[in-house]
């Protein structure tokens, strides 16, 4: 399944193997601060890794690091599809 280039979705909605660009965060101030500290800032690109330890969790690669996010956290990260030729995860 592929995402449309202009569609804004949550990180949880991005299929495994796809890449997306963070557009914003829909979270309370504490969660937003934590996600910013982890590097989830607008414009950063993430890759969704296939397979994860539990249903609803997302394993992502961002800025050269692998992270596992729970379902509620992944739902609070808003993203849009990245064009394959412009992707730079680092």
C-alpha atoms as a PDB file:
ATOM      1  CA  UNK A   1       0.000   0.000   0.000  1.00  0.00           C
ATOM      2  CA  UNK A   2       1.375   3.392  -0.935  1.00  0.00           C
ATOM      3  CA  UNK A   3       0.528   6.820   0.452  1.00  0.00           C
ATOM      4  CA  UNK A   4      -0.474   9.785  -1.684  1.00  0.00           C
ATOM      5  CA  UNK A   5       2.236  12.492  -1.750  1.00  0.00           C
ATOM      6  CA  UNK A   6       0.083  15.254  -0.206  1.00  0.00           C
ATOM      7  CA  UNK A   7      -1.924  13.166   2.292  1.00  0.00           C
ATOM      8  CA  UNK A   8      -1.316  13.989   5.966  1.00  0.00           C
ATOM      9  CA  UNK A   9      -1.724  10.899   8.150  1.00  0.00           C
ATOM     10  CA  UNK A  10      -0.489   9.669  11.504  1.00  0.00           C
ATOM     11  CA  UNK A  11       2.751   7.710  11.759  1.00  0.00           C
ATOM     12  CA  UNK A  12       0.644   4.699  12.727  1.00  0.00           C
ATOM     13  CA  UNK A  13      -1.071   4.862   9.303  1.00  0.00           C
ATOM     14  CA  UNK A  14       2.191   4.759   7.325  1.00  0.00           C
ATOM     15  CA  UNK A  15       2.737   1.233   5.962  1.00  0.00           C
ATOM     16  CA  UNK A  16       5.895  -0.717   6.793  1.00  0.00           C
ATOM     17  CA  UNK A  17       8.641  -0.109   4.263  1.00  0.00           C
ATOM     18  CA  UNK A  18       7.418   3.421   3.448  1.00  0.00           C
ATOM     19  CA  UNK A  19       9.113   6.695   4.311  1.00  0.00           C
ATOM     20  CA  UNK A  20       7.385   9.802   5.589  1.00  0.00           C
ATOM     21  CA  UNK A  21       8.184  13.377   6.612  1.00  0.00           C
ATOM     22  CA  UNK A  22       6.976  14.660   9.982  1.00  0.00           C
ATOM     23  CA  UNK A  23       4.620  17.623   9.549  1.00  0.00           C
ATOM     24  CA  UNK A  24       3.588  18.179  13.164  1.00  0.00           C
ATOM     25  CA  UNK A  25       2.615  16.702  16.499  1.00  0.00           C
ATOM     26  CA  UNK A  26      -0.906  16.283  17.889  1.00  0.00           C
ATOM     27  CA  UNK A  27      -0.047  15.765  21.567  1.00  0.00           C
ATOM     28  CA  UNK A  28      -0.147  17.468  24.937  1.00  0.00           C
ATOM     29  CA  UNK A  29       2.798  19.644  25.963  1.00  0.00           C
ATOM     30  CA  UNK A  30       4.611  16.870  27.875  1.00  0.00           C
ATOM     31  CA  UNK A  31       4.421  14.394  24.995  1.00  0.00           C
ATOM     32  CA  UNK A  32       5.274  17.077  22.454  1.00  0.00           C
ATOM     33  CA  UNK A  33       8.388  18.023  24.460  1.00  0.00           C
ATOM     34  CA  UNK A  34       9.455  14.375  24.677  1.00  0.00           C
ATOM     35  CA  UNK A  35       8.966  13.802  20.939  1.00  0.00           C
ATOM     36  CA  UNK A  36      10.908  16.973  20.092  1.00  0.00           C
ATOM     37  CA  UNK A  37      13.728  15.774  22.377  1.00  0.00           C
ATOM     38  CA  UNK A  38      13.766  12.442  20.517  1.00  0.00           C
ATOM     39  CA  UNK A  39      14.105  14.342  17.233  1.00  0.00           C
ATOM     40  CA  UNK A  40      10.551  14.238  15.858  1.00  0.00           C
ATOM     41  CA  UNK A  41      10.604  17.778  14.513  1.00  0.00           C
ATOM     42  CA  UNK A  42       8.748  19.058  11.451  1.00  0.00           C
ATOM     43  CA  UNK A  43      10.612  18.152   8.275  1.00  0.00           C
ATOM     44  CA  UNK A  44      12.517  15.153   9.631  1.00  0.00           C
ATOM     45  CA  UNK A  45      12.150  12.004   7.545  1.00  0.00           C
ATOM     46  CA  UNK A  46      11.477   8.578   9.027  1.00  0.00           C
ATOM     47  CA  UNK A  47      11.422   5.072   7.611  1.00  0.00           C
ATOM     48  CA  UNK A  48       8.872   2.593   8.945  1.00  0.00           C
ATOM     49  CA  UNK A  49      10.563  -0.774   9.502  1.00  0.00           C
ATOM     50  CA  UNK A  50       8.715  -4.012   8.804  1.00  0.00           C
ATOM     51  CA  UNK A  51       7.899  -6.184  11.796  1.00  0.00           C
ATOM     52  CA  UNK A  52       7.684  -5.030  15.379  1.00  0.00           C
ATOM     53  CA  UNK A  53       7.388  -6.503  18.817  1.00  0.00           C
ATOM     54  CA  UNK A  54       3.652  -5.923  19.288  1.00  0.00           C
ATOM     55  CA  UNK A  55       0.432  -4.940  17.516  1.00  0.00           C
ATOM     56  CA  UNK A  56       0.120  -1.189  17.036  1.00  0.00           C
ATOM     57  CA  UNK A  57       3.760  -0.417  17.785  1.00  0.00           C
ATOM     58  CA  UNK A  58       5.967   1.128  15.108  1.00  0.00           C
ATOM     59  CA  UNK A  59       9.705   0.614  14.676  1.00  0.00           C
ATOM     60  CA  UNK A  60      11.216   3.571  12.842  1.00  0.00           C
ATOM     61  CA  UNK A  61      14.627   4.686  11.656  1.00  0.00           C
ATOM     62  CA  UNK A  62      15.219   8.402  12.016  1.00  0.00           C
ATOM     63  CA  UNK A  63      18.462  10.388  11.889  1.00  0.00           C
ATOM     64  CA  UNK A  64      20.439   7.135  11.924  1.00  0.00           C
ATOM     65  CA  UNK A  65      18.764   5.719  15.046  1.00  0.00           C
ATOM     66  CA  UNK A  66      16.142   2.994  15.420  1.00  0.00           C
ATOM     67  CA  UNK A  67      13.240   3.672  17.794  1.00  0.00           C
ATOM     68  CA  UNK A  68      10.128   1.731  18.786  1.00  0.00           C
ATOM     69  CA  UNK A  69       7.014   3.796  19.448  1.00  0.00           C
ATOM     70  CA  UNK A  70       3.801   2.666  21.082  1.00  0.00           C
ATOM     71  CA  UNK A  71       0.460   2.986  19.316  1.00  0.00           C
ATOM     72  CA  UNK A  72      -0.696   6.154  21.111  1.00  0.00           C
ATOM     73  CA  UNK A  73       2.649   7.871  20.493  1.00  0.00           C
ATOM     74  CA  UNK A  74       2.654   6.900  16.813  1.00  0.00           C
ATOM     75  CA  UNK A  75      -0.893   8.306  16.489  1.00  0.00           C
ATOM     76  CA  UNK A  76       0.284  11.710  17.719  1.00  0.00           C
ATOM     77  CA  UNK A  77       2.937  12.156  15.001  1.00  0.00           C
ATOM     78  CA  UNK A  78       1.514  13.665  11.810  1.00  0.00           C
ATOM     79  CA  UNK A  79       3.302  12.813   8.537  1.00  0.00           C
ATOM     80  CA  UNK A  80       3.188  13.064   4.764  1.00  0.00           C
ATOM     81  CA  UNK A  81       4.656  10.718   2.174  1.00  0.00           C
ATOM     82  CA  UNK A  82       8.213  11.345   0.960  1.00  0.00           C
ATOM     83  CA  UNK A  83       9.066  11.068  -2.705  1.00  0.00           C
ATOM     84  CA  UNK A  84      11.649   8.269  -3.077  1.00  0.00           C
ATOM     85  CA  UNK A  85      14.138  10.448  -4.934  1.00  0.00           C
ATOM     86  CA  UNK A  86      14.238  13.095  -2.159  1.00  0.00           C
ATOM     87  CA  UNK A  87      14.505  10.824   0.901  1.00  0.00           C
ATOM     88  CA  UNK A  88      17.395  11.341   3.313  1.00  0.00           C
ATOM     89  CA  UNK A  89      16.859   9.542   6.640  1.00  0.00           C
ATOM     90  CA  UNK A  90      20.130  10.705   8.191  1.00  0.00           C
END
